[in-house]
C-alpha cells in the first residue's frame, strides 16, 4: 500500500505544480506538452490527477504505522 500511496502523492504534486503554473503565469504545462486542454491525452491526465486527489482524501482517515505502534 505504501507504493500506491507514494504514487498518488507524486501525481498530486505534479497536478499542484501545474495548477501553480496556471495560477501564477497562466501557463498550463499539461496542455502545452500534450496538445491542448481538449486533447484526449490531456483530459486523461487531468482525470488521473483528479482521481488521485479523491483517493488522497482517504489519507485523512487512515492511521500511519507510527501512530499505531506508539
PDB file of N, CA and C in Angstrom:
ATOM      1  N   UNK A   1       0.817  -1.190   0.000  1.00  0.00           N
ATOM      2  CA  UNK A   1       0.000   0.000   0.000  1.00  0.00           C
ATOM      3  C   UNK A   1       0.861   1.255   0.000  1.00  0.00           C
ATOM      4  N   UNK A   2       2.076   1.158   0.494  1.00  0.00           N
ATOM      5  CA  UNK A   2       2.958   2.312   0.520  1.00  0.00           C
ATOM      6  C   UNK A   2       3.301   2.771  -0.899  1.00  0.00           C
ATOM      7  N   UNK A   3       3.487   1.837  -1.803  1.00  0.00           N
ATOM      8  CA  UNK A   3       3.804   2.195  -3.177  1.00  0.00           C
ATOM      9  C   UNK A   3       2.650   2.964  -3.809  1.00  0.00           C
ATOM     10  N   UNK A   4       1.431   2.495  -3.589  1.00  0.00           N
ATOM     11  CA  UNK A   4       0.263   3.183  -4.129  1.00  0.00           C
ATOM     12  C   UNK A   4       0.144   4.582  -3.539  1.00  0.00           C
ATOM     13  N   UNK A   5       0.360   4.688  -2.249  1.00  0.00           N
ATOM     14  CA  UNK A   5       0.277   5.993  -1.581  1.00  0.00           C
ATOM     15  C   UNK A   5       1.332   6.956  -2.138  1.00  0.00           C
ATOM     16  N   UNK A   6       2.543   6.478  -2.325  1.00  0.00           N
ATOM     17  CA  UNK A   6       3.610   7.318  -2.873  1.00  0.00           C
ATOM     18  C   UNK A   6       3.320   7.732  -4.309  1.00  0.00           C
ATOM     19  N   UNK A   7       2.785   6.821  -5.119  1.00  0.00           N
ATOM     20  CA  UNK A   7       2.423   7.146  -6.487  1.00  0.00           C
ATOM     21  C   UNK A   7       1.347   8.224  -6.521  1.00  0.00           C
ATOM     22  N   UNK A   8       0.343   8.075  -5.660  1.00  0.00           N
ATOM     23  CA  UNK A   8      -0.725   9.070  -5.584  1.00  0.00           C
ATOM     24  C   UNK A   8      -0.163  10.428  -5.178  1.00  0.00           C
ATOM     25  N   UNK A   9       0.739  10.443  -4.218  1.00  0.00           N
ATOM     26  CA  UNK A   9       1.338  11.708  -3.788  1.00  0.00           C
ATOM     27  C   UNK A   9       2.138  12.366  -4.912  1.00  0.00           C
ATOM     28  N   UNK A  10       2.863  11.584  -5.690  1.00  0.00           N
ATOM     29  CA  UNK A  10       3.624  12.129  -6.819  1.00  0.00           C
ATOM     30  C   UNK A  10       2.671  12.734  -7.853  1.00  0.00           C
ATOM     31  N   UNK A  11       1.592  12.034  -8.146  1.00  0.00           N
ATOM     32  CA  UNK A  11       0.618  12.550  -9.114  1.00  0.00           C
ATOM     33  C   UNK A  11      -0.010  13.845  -8.605  1.00  0.00           C
ATOM     34  N   UNK A  12      -0.332  13.888  -7.321  1.00  0.00           N
ATOM     35  CA  UNK A  12      -0.913  15.104  -6.744  1.00  0.00           C
ATOM     36  C   UNK A  12       0.083  16.261  -6.800  1.00  0.00           C
ATOM     37  N   UNK A  13       1.337  15.995  -6.549  1.00  0.00           N
ATOM     38  CA  UNK A  13       2.360  17.044  -6.615  1.00  0.00           C
ATOM     39  C   UNK A  13       2.487  17.570  -8.047  1.00  0.00           C
ATOM     40  N   UNK A  14       2.465  16.683  -9.021  1.00  0.00           N
ATOM     41  CA  UNK A  14       2.516  17.116 -10.424  1.00  0.00           C
ATOM     42  C   UNK A  14       1.317  17.999 -10.738  1.00  0.00           C
ATOM     43  N   UNK A  15       0.144  17.589 -10.289  1.00  0.00           N
ATOM     44  CA  UNK A  15      -1.053  18.394 -10.506  1.00  0.00           C
ATOM     45  C   UNK A  15      -0.974  19.741  -9.815  1.00  0.00           C
ATOM     46  N   UNK A  16      -0.430  19.755  -8.607  1.00  0.00           N
ATOM     47  CA  UNK A  16      -0.303  21.018  -7.869  1.00  0.00           C
ATOM     48  C   UNK A  16       0.671  21.965  -8.566  1.00  0.00           C
ATOM     49  N   UNK A  17       1.752  21.428  -9.093  1.00  0.00           N
ATOM     50  CA  UNK A  17       2.699  22.267  -9.836  1.00  0.00           C
ATOM     51  C   UNK A  17       2.023  22.846 -11.079  1.00  0.00           C
ATOM     52  N   UNK A  18       1.246  22.018 -11.771  1.00  0.00           N
ATOM     53  CA  UNK A  18       0.544  22.505 -12.958  1.00  0.00           C
ATOM     54  C   UNK A  18      -0.442  23.608 -12.577  1.00  0.00           C
ATOM     55  N   UNK A  19      -1.198  23.419 -11.492  1.00  0.00           N
ATOM     56  CA  UNK A  19      -2.138  24.457 -11.045  1.00  0.00           C
ATOM     57  C   UNK A  19      -1.411  25.717 -10.610  1.00  0.00           C
ATOM     58  N   UNK A  20      -0.245  25.569 -10.003  1.00  0.00           N
ATOM     59  CA  UNK A  20       0.557  26.731  -9.639  1.00  0.00           C
ATOM     60  C   UNK A  20       0.993  27.526 -10.858  1.00  0.00           C
ATOM     61  N   UNK A  21       1.416  26.811 -11.899  1.00  0.00           N
ATOM     62  CA  UNK A  21       1.803  27.477 -13.145  1.00  0.00           C
ATOM     63  C   UNK A  21       0.618  28.198 -13.772  1.00  0.00           C
ATOM     64  N   UNK A  22      -0.552  27.569 -13.723  1.00  0.00           N
ATOM     65  CA  UNK A  22      -1.748  28.208 -14.269  1.00  0.00           C
ATOM     66  C   UNK A  22      -2.082  29.463 -13.464  1.00  0.00           C
ATOM     67  N   UNK A  23      -2.049  29.347 -12.147  1.00  0.00           N
ATOM     68  CA  UNK A  23      -2.410  30.463 -11.291  1.00  0.00           C
ATOM     69  C   UNK A  23      -1.451  31.637 -11.366  1.00  0.00           C
ATOM     70  N   UNK A  24      -0.165  31.360 -11.372  1.00  0.00           N
ATOM     71  CA  UNK A  24       0.827  32.434 -11.351  1.00  0.00           C
ATOM     72  C   UNK A  24       1.151  33.000 -12.731  1.00  0.00           C
ATOM     73  N   UNK A  25       1.170  32.134 -13.737  1.00  0.00           N
ATOM     74  CA  UNK A  25       1.651  32.561 -15.043  1.00  0.00           C
ATOM     75  C   UNK A  25       0.656  32.352 -16.180  1.00  0.00           C
ATOM     76  N   UNK A  26      -0.495  31.744 -15.900  1.00  0.00           N
ATOM     77  CA  UNK A  26      -1.461  31.466 -16.950  1.00  0.00           C
ATOM     78  C   UNK A  26      -0.959  30.429 -17.947  1.00  0.00           C
ATOM     79  N   UNK A  27      -0.082  29.542 -17.498  1.00  0.00           N
ATOM     80  CA  UNK A  27       0.541  28.552 -18.382  1.00  0.00           C
ATOM     81  C   UNK A  27       0.154  27.146 -17.934  1.00  0.00           C
ATOM     82  N   UNK A  28      -0.530  26.414 -18.782  1.00  0.00           N
ATOM     83  CA  UNK A  28      -0.937  25.037 -18.495  1.00  0.00           C
ATOM     84  C   UNK A  28       0.090  24.090 -19.107  1.00  0.00           C
ATOM     85  N   UNK A  29       0.960  23.559 -18.279  1.00  0.00           N
ATOM     86  CA  UNK A  29       2.054  22.704 -18.749  1.00  0.00           C
ATOM     87  C   UNK A  29       1.534  21.418 -19.385  1.00  0.00           C
ATOM     88  N   UNK A  30       0.530  20.806 -18.786  1.00  0.00           N
ATOM     89  CA  UNK A  30      -0.023  19.566 -19.340  1.00  0.00           C
ATOM     90  C   UNK A  30      -0.574  19.818 -20.739  1.00  0.00           C
ATOM     91  N   UNK A  31      -1.336  20.886 -20.882  1.00  0.00           N
ATOM     92  CA  UNK A  31      -1.894  21.213 -22.203  1.00  0.00           C
ATOM     93  C   UNK A  31      -0.791  21.533 -23.205  1.00  0.00           C
ATOM     94  N   UNK A  32       0.254  22.213 -22.758  1.00  0.00           N
ATOM     95  CA  UNK A  32       1.350  22.570 -23.656  1.00  0.00           C
ATOM     96  C   UNK A  32       2.097  21.324 -24.147  1.00  0.00           C
ATOM     97  N   UNK A  33       2.269  20.354 -23.260  1.00  0.00           N
ATOM     98  CA  UNK A  33       3.015  19.145 -23.630  1.00  0.00           C
ATOM     99  C   UNK A  33       2.173  18.218 -24.503  1.00  0.00           C
ATOM    100  N   UNK A  34       0.882  18.097 -24.177  1.00  0.00           N
ATOM    101  CA  UNK A  34       0.066  17.072 -24.818  1.00  0.00           C
ATOM    102  C   UNK A  34      -0.948  17.587 -25.827  1.00  0.00           C
ATOM    103  N   UNK A  35      -0.829  18.838 -26.260  1.00  0.00           N
ATOM    104  CA  UNK A  35      -1.627  19.301 -27.383  1.00  0.00           C
ATOM    105  C   UNK A  35      -2.913  20.032 -27.057  1.00  0.00           C
ATOM    106  N   UNK A  36      -2.981  20.692 -25.947  1.00  0.00           N
ATOM    107  CA  UNK A  36      -4.166  21.484 -25.620  1.00  0.00           C
ATOM    108  C   UNK A  36      -5.041  20.831 -24.573  1.00  0.00           C
ATOM    109  N   UNK A  37      -5.896  21.642 -23.974  1.00  0.00           N
ATOM    110  CA  UNK A  37      -6.748  21.144 -22.899  1.00  0.00           C
ATOM    111  C   UNK A  37      -7.779  20.135 -23.375  1.00  0.00           C
ATOM    112  N   UNK A  38      -8.175  20.204 -24.617  1.00  0.00           N
ATOM    113  CA  UNK A  38      -9.202  19.298 -25.125  1.00  0.00           C
ATOM    114  C   UNK A  38      -8.645  18.036 -25.759  1.00  0.00           C
ATOM    115  N   UNK A  39      -7.327  17.928 -25.849  1.00  0.00           N
ATOM    116  CA  UNK A  39      -6.719  16.717 -26.400  1.00  0.00           C
ATOM    117  C   UNK A  39      -7.010  15.544 -25.467  1.00  0.00           C
ATOM    118  N   UNK A  40      -7.223  14.391 -26.045  1.00  0.00           N
ATOM    119  CA  UNK A  40      -7.599  13.213 -25.268  1.00  0.00           C
ATOM    120  C   UNK A  40      -6.588  12.890 -24.179  1.00  0.00           C
ATOM    121  N   UNK A  41      -5.307  12.909 -24.504  1.00  0.00           N
ATOM    122  CA  UNK A  41      -4.285  12.565 -23.507  1.00  0.00           C
ATOM    123  C   UNK A  41      -4.262  13.580 -22.367  1.00  0.00           C
ATOM    124  N   UNK A  42      -4.476  14.850 -22.659  1.00  0.00           N
ATOM    125  CA  UNK A  42      -4.533  15.865 -21.607  1.00  0.00           C
ATOM    126  C   UNK A  42      -5.712  15.607 -20.683  1.00  0.00           C
ATOM    127  N   UNK A  43      -6.847  15.272 -21.260  1.00  0.00           N
ATOM    128  CA  UNK A  43      -8.030  15.001 -20.452  1.00  0.00           C
ATOM    129  C   UNK A  43      -7.829  13.766 -19.589  1.00  0.00           C
ATOM    130  N   UNK A  44      -7.127  12.770 -20.110  1.00  0.00           N
ATOM    131  CA  UNK A  44      -6.828  11.569 -19.321  1.00  0.00           C
ATOM    132  C   UNK A  44      -5.935  11.927 -18.145  1.00  0.00           C
ATOM    133  N   UNK A  45      -4.925  12.753 -18.387  1.00  0.00           N
ATOM    134  CA  UNK A  45      -4.023  13.164 -17.307  1.00  0.00           C
ATOM    135  C   UNK A  45      -4.770  13.971 -16.257  1.00  0.00           C
ATOM    136  N   UNK A  46      -5.631  14.895 -16.693  1.00  0.00           N
ATOM    137  CA  UNK A  46      -6.438  15.658 -15.737  1.00  0.00           C
ATOM    138  C   UNK A  46      -7.311  14.713 -14.909  1.00  0.00           C
ATOM    139  N   UNK A  47      -7.881  13.701 -15.545  1.00  0.00           N
ATOM    140  CA  UNK A  47      -8.734  12.739 -14.841  1.00  0.00           C
ATOM    141  C   UNK A  47      -7.928  11.927 -13.832  1.00  0.00           C
ATOM    142  N   UNK A  48      -6.723  11.512 -14.206  1.00  0.00           N
ATOM    143  CA  UNK A  48      -5.870  10.745 -13.287  1.00  0.00           C
ATOM    144  C   UNK A  48      -5.501  11.587 -12.070  1.00  0.00           C
ATOM    145  N   UNK A  49      -5.163  12.851 -12.302  1.00  0.00           N
ATOM    146  CA  UNK A  49      -4.840  13.747 -11.181  1.00  0.00           C
ATOM    147  C   UNK A  49      -6.060  13.914 -10.273  1.00  0.00           C
ATOM    148  N   UNK A  50      -7.231  14.054 -10.874  1.00  0.00           N
ATOM    149  CA  UNK A  50      -8.456  14.175 -10.086  1.00  0.00           C
ATOM    150  C   UNK A  50      -8.740  12.929  -9.272  1.00  0.00           C
ATOM    151  N   UNK A  51      -8.572  11.758  -9.873  1.00  0.00           N
ATOM    152  CA  UNK A  51      -8.771  10.504  -9.142  1.00  0.00           C
ATOM    153  C   UNK A  51      -7.763  10.346  -8.014  1.00  0.00           C
ATOM    154  N   UNK A  52      -6.530  10.758  -8.274  1.00  0.00           N
ATOM    155  CA  UNK A  52      -5.505  10.695  -7.226  1.00  0.00           C
ATOM    156  C   UNK A  52      -5.894  11.596  -6.054  1.00  0.00           C
ATOM    157  N   UNK A  53      -6.434  12.769  -6.364  1.00  0.00           N
ATOM    158  CA  UNK A  53      -6.887  13.669  -5.307  1.00  0.00           C
ATOM    159  C   UNK A  53      -8.012  13.068  -4.494  1.00  0.00           C
ATOM    160  N   UNK A  54      -8.956  12.429  -5.171  1.00  0.00           N
ATOM    161  CA  UNK A  54     -10.058  11.778  -4.447  1.00  0.00           C
ATOM    162  C   UNK A  54      -9.542  10.641  -3.576  1.00  0.00           C
ATOM    163  N   UNK A  55      -8.616   9.858  -4.111  1.00  0.00           N
ATOM    164  CA  UNK A  55      -8.029   8.764  -3.327  1.00  0.00           C
ATOM    165  C   UNK A  55      -7.282   9.308  -2.113  1.00  0.00           C
ATOM    166  N   UNK A  56      -6.637  10.450  -2.265  1.00  0.00           N
ATOM    167  CA  UNK A  56      -5.844  11.030  -1.179  1.00  0.00           C
ATOM    168  C   UNK A  56      -6.721  11.475  -0.010  1.00  0.00           C
ATOM    169  N   UNK A  57      -7.998  11.681  -0.238  1.00  0.00           N
ATOM    170  CA  UNK A  57      -8.894  12.012   0.874  1.00  0.00           C
ATOM    171  C   UNK A  57      -8.844  10.917   1.933  1.00  0.00           C
ATOM    172  N   UNK A  58      -8.660   9.678   1.494  1.00  0.00           N
ATOM    173  CA  UNK A  58      -8.595   8.559   2.448  1.00  0.00           C
ATOM    174  C   UNK A  58      -7.394   8.668   3.379  1.00  0.00           C
ATOM    175  N   UNK A  59      -6.373   9.432   3.018  1.00  0.00           N
ATOM    176  CA  UNK A  59      -5.199   9.590   3.873  1.00  0.00           C
ATOM    177  C   UNK A  59      -5.578  10.222   5.207  1.00  0.00           C
ATOM    178  N   UNK A  60      -6.624  11.027   5.222  1.00  0.00           N
ATOM    179  CA  UNK A  60      -7.056  11.663   6.460  1.00  0.00           C
ATOM    180  C   UNK A  60      -7.702  10.677   7.422  1.00  0.00           C
ATOM    181  N   UNK A  61      -8.166   9.548   6.903  1.00  0.00           N
ATOM    182  CA  UNK A  61      -8.907   8.603   7.719  1.00  0.00           C
ATOM    183  C   UNK A  61      -8.134   7.330   8.024  1.00  0.00           C
ATOM    184  N   UNK A  62      -6.898   7.253   7.588  1.00  0.00           N
ATOM    185  CA  UNK A  62      -6.069   6.090   7.894  1.00  0.00           C
ATOM    186  C   UNK A  62      -4.948   6.502   8.829  1.00  0.00           C
ATOM    187  N   UNK A  63      -4.614   5.605   9.705  1.00  0.00           N
ATOM    188  CA  UNK A  63      -3.541   5.888  10.656  1.00  0.00           C
ATOM    189  C   UNK A  63      -2.240   5.324  10.120  1.00  0.00           C
ATOM    190  N   UNK A  64      -1.173   6.055  10.339  1.00  0.00           N
ATOM    191  CA  UNK A  64       0.132   5.555   9.894  1.00  0.00           C
ATOM    192  C   UNK A  64       0.634   4.497  10.868  1.00  0.00           C
ATOM    193  N   UNK A  65       1.626   3.753  10.453  1.00  0.00           N
ATOM    194  CA  UNK A  65       2.199   2.718  11.327  1.00  0.00           C
ATOM    195  C   UNK A  65       2.802   3.322  12.583  1.00  0.00           C
ATOM    196  N   UNK A  66       3.373   4.505  12.435  1.00  0.00           N
ATOM    197  CA  UNK A  66       3.974   5.178  13.568  1.00  0.00           C
ATOM    198  C   UNK A  66       2.937   5.450  14.658  1.00  0.00           C
ATOM    199  N   UNK A  67       1.746   5.877  14.260  1.00  0.00           N
ATOM    200  CA  UNK A  67       0.689   6.168  15.218  1.00  0.00           C
ATOM    201  C   UNK A  67       0.179   4.890  15.881  1.00  0.00           C
ATOM    202  N   UNK A  68       0.158   3.778  15.157  1.00  0.00           N
ATOM    203  CA  UNK A  68      -0.351   2.522  15.693  1.00  0.00           C
ATOM    204  C   UNK A  68       0.611   1.951  16.719  1.00  0.00           C
ATOM    205  N   UNK A  69       1.917   2.076  16.505  1.00  0.00           N
ATOM    206  CA  UNK A  69       2.905   1.470  17.412  1.00  0.00           C
ATOM    207  C   UNK A  69       3.167   2.297  18.654  1.00  0.00           C
ATOM    208  N   UNK A  70       2.809   3.565  18.666  1.00  0.00           N
ATOM    209  CA  UNK A  70       3.090   4.382  19.838  1.00  0.00           C
ATOM    210  C   UNK A  70       1.895   4.510  20.734  1.00  0.00           C
TER     211      UNK A  70
END
